Amino acid sequence: MVSNEDILKIARLAKLSVKPEELDGLTKDMNGIIEFANTINKVSAEDTGFDNINNLSNVFREDTVVPSYDREEILKNAPEEEDGYFLLRRRR
């Protein structure tokens, strides 16, 4: 169980400021997070058989070469272009 002092120590290490009115809520939230993590740790994943529930062997498709758009067609909408590339103004 996390105490208010633990929250203040964690905040100090993280260089965060914690208002006194936030302290009880943060302590409650942190304890809830730790309780949830402990619940997850108690579950045994060995008995569930969830490693391949969709029977997928390879979800990636093969790469196929497809024709690209015509460069002039793309650049005709550019406000400025140079040597077949979009010309962008440098921002400062």
N, C-alpha and C. Protein backbone atom coordinates (compact mmCIF):
# COMPACT_ATOMS: atom_id res chain seq x y z
N MET A 1 0.84 -1.17 0.00
CA MET A 1 0.00 0.00 0.00
C MET A 1 0.88 1.24 0.00
N VAL A 2 0.53 2.19 -0.84
CA VAL A 2 1.29 3.43 -0.98
C VAL A 2 0.73 4.47 -0.02
N SER A 3 1.63 5.17 0.64
CA SER A 3 1.19 6.20 1.58
C SER A 3 1.38 7.58 0.95
N ASN A 4 0.86 8.58 1.63
CA ASN A 4 1.04 9.96 1.16
C ASN A 4 2.52 10.33 1.10
N GLU A 5 3.29 9.84 2.05
CA GLU A 5 4.73 10.12 2.06
C GLU A 5 5.41 9.50 0.84
N ASP A 6 4.97 8.29 0.44
CA ASP A 6 5.53 7.65 -0.76
C ASP A 6 5.24 8.49 -2.01
N ILE A 7 4.03 9.02 -2.10
CA ILE A 7 3.67 9.86 -3.24
C ILE A 7 4.53 11.11 -3.27
N LEU A 8 4.75 11.72 -2.12
CA LEU A 8 5.59 12.92 -2.06
C LEU A 8 7.02 12.60 -2.45
N LYS A 9 7.53 11.44 -2.05
CA LYS A 9 8.89 11.04 -2.41
C LYS A 9 9.00 10.80 -3.92
N ILE A 10 8.00 10.11 -4.49
CA ILE A 10 8.00 9.87 -5.94
C ILE A 10 7.92 11.19 -6.70
N ALA A 11 7.07 12.10 -6.22
CA ALA A 11 6.94 13.41 -6.86
C ALA A 11 8.26 14.18 -6.79
N ARG A 12 8.92 14.12 -5.66
CA ARG A 12 10.20 14.81 -5.51
C ARG A 12 11.24 14.23 -6.47
N LEU A 13 11.28 12.90 -6.59
CA LEU A 13 12.24 12.27 -7.51
C LEU A 13 11.94 12.61 -8.96
N ALA A 14 10.65 12.78 -9.29
CA ALA A 14 10.25 13.12 -10.65
C ALA A 14 10.23 14.63 -10.88
N LYS A 15 10.61 15.39 -9.86
CA LYS A 15 10.63 16.85 -9.91
C LYS A 15 9.27 17.41 -10.27
N LEU A 16 8.24 16.87 -9.61
CA LEU A 16 6.87 17.33 -9.78
C LEU A 16 6.40 17.97 -8.49
N SER A 17 5.54 18.95 -8.61
CA SER A 17 4.96 19.54 -7.41
C SER A 17 3.56 18.96 -7.20
N VAL A 18 3.26 18.64 -5.98
CA VAL A 18 1.96 18.08 -5.62
C VAL A 18 1.32 18.99 -4.59
N LYS A 19 0.12 19.47 -4.92
CA LYS A 19 -0.61 20.31 -3.99
C LYS A 19 -1.19 19.44 -2.89
N PRO A 20 -1.30 19.96 -1.68
CA PRO A 20 -1.84 19.16 -0.57
C PRO A 20 -3.24 18.61 -0.85
N GLU A 21 -4.07 19.36 -1.58
CA GLU A 21 -5.41 18.88 -1.87
C GLU A 21 -5.43 17.76 -2.92
N GLU A 22 -4.34 17.58 -3.65
CA GLU A 22 -4.24 16.51 -4.64
C GLU A 22 -3.68 15.22 -4.06
N LEU A 23 -3.07 15.30 -2.90
CA LEU A 23 -2.32 14.18 -2.34
C LEU A 23 -3.18 12.95 -2.08
N ASP A 24 -4.34 13.11 -1.46
CA ASP A 24 -5.18 11.96 -1.16
C ASP A 24 -5.68 11.28 -2.44
N GLY A 25 -6.05 12.07 -3.44
CA GLY A 25 -6.51 11.51 -4.71
C GLY A 25 -5.41 10.75 -5.43
N LEU A 26 -4.19 11.31 -5.44
CA LEU A 26 -3.06 10.64 -6.08
C LEU A 26 -2.73 9.33 -5.36
N THR A 27 -2.79 9.35 -4.04
CA THR A 27 -2.51 8.14 -3.27
C THR A 27 -3.54 7.06 -3.58
N LYS A 28 -4.80 7.44 -3.64
CA LYS A 28 -5.86 6.48 -3.97
C LYS A 28 -5.68 5.93 -5.38
N ASP A 29 -5.37 6.81 -6.35
CA ASP A 29 -5.16 6.37 -7.73
C ASP A 29 -3.97 5.42 -7.84
N MET A 30 -2.87 5.75 -7.17
CA MET A 30 -1.67 4.90 -7.23
C MET A 30 -1.95 3.54 -6.62
N ASN A 31 -2.67 3.50 -5.52
CA ASN A 31 -3.03 2.22 -4.91
C ASN A 31 -3.93 1.41 -5.84
N GLY A 32 -4.83 2.08 -6.55
CA GLY A 32 -5.68 1.38 -7.52
C GLY A 32 -4.87 0.79 -8.66
N ILE A 33 -3.89 1.53 -9.13
CA ILE A 33 -3.03 1.04 -10.22
C ILE A 33 -2.23 -0.18 -9.75
N ILE A 34 -1.68 -0.10 -8.56
CA ILE A 34 -0.90 -1.22 -8.03
C ILE A 34 -1.79 -2.43 -7.80
N GLU A 35 -3.00 -2.22 -7.31
CA GLU A 35 -3.93 -3.32 -7.10
C GLU A 35 -4.29 -3.99 -8.43
N PHE A 36 -4.50 -3.18 -9.46
CA PHE A 36 -4.80 -3.73 -10.79
C PHE A 36 -3.62 -4.54 -11.32
N ALA A 37 -2.41 -4.03 -11.16
CA ALA A 37 -1.22 -4.76 -11.61
C ALA A 37 -1.07 -6.07 -10.86
N ASN A 38 -1.36 -6.08 -9.58
CA ASN A 38 -1.28 -7.32 -8.81
C ASN A 38 -2.32 -8.33 -9.28
N THR A 39 -3.51 -7.84 -9.64
CA THR A 39 -4.54 -8.74 -10.17
C THR A 39 -4.08 -9.38 -11.48
N ILE A 40 -3.47 -8.60 -12.34
CA ILE A 40 -2.97 -9.13 -13.61
C ILE A 40 -1.87 -10.14 -13.36
N ASN A 41 -0.99 -9.87 -12.41
CA ASN A 41 0.11 -10.79 -12.12
C ASN A 41 -0.36 -12.13 -11.58
N LYS A 42 -1.53 -12.16 -10.96
CA LYS A 42 -2.05 -13.41 -10.39
C LYS A 42 -2.62 -14.35 -11.46
N VAL A 43 -2.95 -13.83 -12.61
CA VAL A 43 -3.58 -14.63 -13.66
C VAL A 43 -2.52 -15.50 -14.33
N SER A 44 -2.86 -16.76 -14.53
CA SER A 44 -1.95 -17.68 -15.21
C SER A 44 -2.31 -17.71 -16.69
N ALA A 45 -1.36 -17.39 -17.53
CA ALA A 45 -1.59 -17.37 -18.98
C ALA A 45 -1.35 -18.74 -19.61
N GLU A 46 -0.82 -19.67 -18.86
CA GLU A 46 -0.48 -20.97 -19.42
C GLU A 46 -1.71 -21.81 -19.75
N ASP A 47 -2.78 -21.66 -19.01
CA ASP A 47 -3.96 -22.49 -19.18
C ASP A 47 -4.97 -21.94 -20.17
N THR A 48 -4.77 -20.73 -20.65
CA THR A 48 -5.80 -20.09 -21.47
C THR A 48 -5.74 -20.49 -22.94
N GLY A 49 -4.58 -20.74 -23.48
CA GLY A 49 -4.46 -21.08 -24.90
C GLY A 49 -4.76 -19.91 -25.80
N PHE A 50 -4.39 -18.70 -25.39
CA PHE A 50 -4.69 -17.51 -26.17
C PHE A 50 -3.57 -17.09 -27.10
N ASP A 51 -2.55 -17.86 -27.30
CA ASP A 51 -1.43 -17.39 -28.10
C ASP A 51 -1.75 -17.28 -29.58
N ASN A 52 -2.78 -17.98 -30.07
CA ASN A 52 -3.15 -17.86 -31.49
C ASN A 52 -4.65 -18.08 -31.63
N ILE A 53 -5.45 -17.17 -31.08
CA ILE A 53 -6.88 -17.38 -31.04
C ILE A 53 -7.54 -17.24 -32.41
N ASN A 54 -6.89 -16.54 -33.34
CA ASN A 54 -7.48 -16.36 -34.67
C ASN A 54 -6.91 -17.31 -35.70
N ASN A 55 -6.03 -18.20 -35.29
CA ASN A 55 -5.38 -19.17 -36.18
C ASN A 55 -4.70 -18.50 -37.36
N LEU A 56 -4.01 -17.40 -37.09
CA LEU A 56 -3.29 -16.69 -38.14
C LEU A 56 -1.86 -17.20 -38.21
N SER A 57 -1.40 -17.48 -39.41
CA SER A 57 -0.02 -17.91 -39.54
C SER A 57 0.88 -16.75 -39.94
N ASN A 58 0.40 -15.85 -40.78
CA ASN A 58 1.15 -14.67 -41.17
C ASN A 58 0.14 -13.59 -41.54
N VAL A 59 0.10 -12.54 -40.76
CA VAL A 59 -0.89 -11.50 -41.00
C VAL A 59 -0.40 -10.45 -41.98
N PHE A 60 0.84 -10.54 -42.41
CA PHE A 60 1.37 -9.56 -43.34
C PHE A 60 1.16 -10.03 -44.77
N ARG A 61 0.82 -9.10 -45.63
CA ARG A 61 0.63 -9.44 -47.03
C ARG A 61 1.98 -9.34 -47.75
N GLU A 62 2.05 -9.96 -48.88
CA GLU A 62 3.26 -9.88 -49.69
C GLU A 62 3.39 -8.48 -50.28
N ASP A 63 4.60 -7.99 -50.38
CA ASP A 63 4.82 -6.70 -51.02
C ASP A 63 4.67 -6.86 -52.53
N THR A 64 3.94 -5.95 -53.10
CA THR A 64 3.78 -5.97 -54.55
C THR A 64 4.12 -4.58 -55.09
N VAL A 65 4.78 -4.56 -56.22
CA VAL A 65 5.15 -3.30 -56.85
C VAL A 65 3.95 -2.81 -57.65
N VAL A 66 3.57 -1.57 -57.40
CA VAL A 66 2.46 -0.96 -58.13
C VAL A 66 2.96 0.33 -58.75
N PRO A 67 2.38 0.73 -59.86
CA PRO A 67 2.84 1.97 -60.49
C PRO A 67 2.54 3.19 -59.60
N SER A 68 3.45 4.12 -59.63
CA SER A 68 3.31 5.34 -58.85
C SER A 68 2.56 6.38 -59.67
N TYR A 69 2.21 7.48 -59.03
CA TYR A 69 1.59 8.58 -59.75
C TYR A 69 2.64 9.28 -60.59
N ASP A 70 2.21 9.94 -61.62
CA ASP A 70 3.10 10.70 -62.50
C ASP A 70 3.62 11.92 -61.74
N ARG A 71 4.92 12.15 -61.77
CA ARG A 71 5.53 13.24 -61.02
C ARG A 71 4.96 14.60 -61.44
N GLU A 72 4.80 14.83 -62.73
CA GLU A 72 4.27 16.11 -63.19
C GLU A 72 2.84 16.32 -62.71
N GLU A 73 2.06 15.25 -62.64
CA GLU A 73 0.69 15.34 -62.15
C GLU A 73 0.65 15.76 -60.68
N ILE A 74 1.59 15.23 -59.90
CA ILE A 74 1.65 15.59 -58.48
C ILE A 74 2.13 17.02 -58.31
N LEU A 75 3.17 17.39 -59.05
CA LEU A 75 3.78 18.71 -58.87
C LEU A 75 2.96 19.85 -59.44
N LYS A 76 1.96 19.56 -60.24
CA LYS A 76 1.17 20.66 -60.81
C LYS A 76 0.38 21.38 -59.72
N ASN A 77 0.16 20.77 -58.57
CA ASN A 77 -0.55 21.41 -57.46
C ASN A 77 0.40 22.11 -56.48
N ALA A 78 1.69 21.97 -56.68
CA ALA A 78 2.66 22.57 -55.77
C ALA A 78 2.74 24.07 -56.03
N PRO A 79 2.79 24.88 -54.98
CA PRO A 79 2.94 26.32 -55.19
C PRO A 79 4.28 26.64 -55.87
N GLU A 80 5.31 25.90 -55.50
CA GLU A 80 6.62 26.07 -56.12
C GLU A 80 7.30 24.71 -56.21
N GLU A 81 8.04 24.51 -57.30
CA GLU A 81 8.80 23.27 -57.46
C GLU A 81 10.10 23.57 -58.16
N GLU A 82 11.08 22.71 -57.90
CA GLU A 82 12.39 22.89 -58.50
C GLU A 82 13.01 21.53 -58.74
N ASP A 83 13.45 21.27 -59.94
CA ASP A 83 14.12 20.02 -60.32
C ASP A 83 13.28 18.80 -59.98
N GLY A 84 11.95 18.91 -60.11
CA GLY A 84 11.08 17.77 -59.88
C GLY A 84 10.74 17.51 -58.42
N TYR A 85 11.02 18.47 -57.53
CA TYR A 85 10.74 18.34 -56.11
C TYR A 85 9.91 19.52 -55.63
N PHE A 86 9.19 19.33 -54.53
CA PHE A 86 8.49 20.43 -53.91
C PHE A 86 9.52 21.40 -53.35
N LEU A 87 9.32 22.69 -53.54
CA LEU A 87 10.21 23.70 -53.00
C LEU A 87 9.52 24.29 -51.78
N LEU A 88 10.18 24.17 -50.64
CA LEU A 88 9.62 24.66 -49.39
C LEU A 88 10.46 25.81 -48.87
N ARG A 89 9.79 26.75 -48.28
CA ARG A 89 10.51 27.87 -47.69
C ARG A 89 10.97 27.48 -46.29
N ARG A 90 12.14 27.91 -45.94
CA ARG A 90 12.70 27.61 -44.63
C ARG A 90 12.01 28.47 -43.58
N ARG A 91 11.57 27.83 -42.50
CA ARG A 91 10.95 28.56 -41.39
C ARG A 91 11.98 28.82 -40.33
N ARG A 92 11.82 29.93 -39.68
CA ARG A 92 12.76 30.28 -38.62
C ARG A 92 12.10 30.33 -37.31
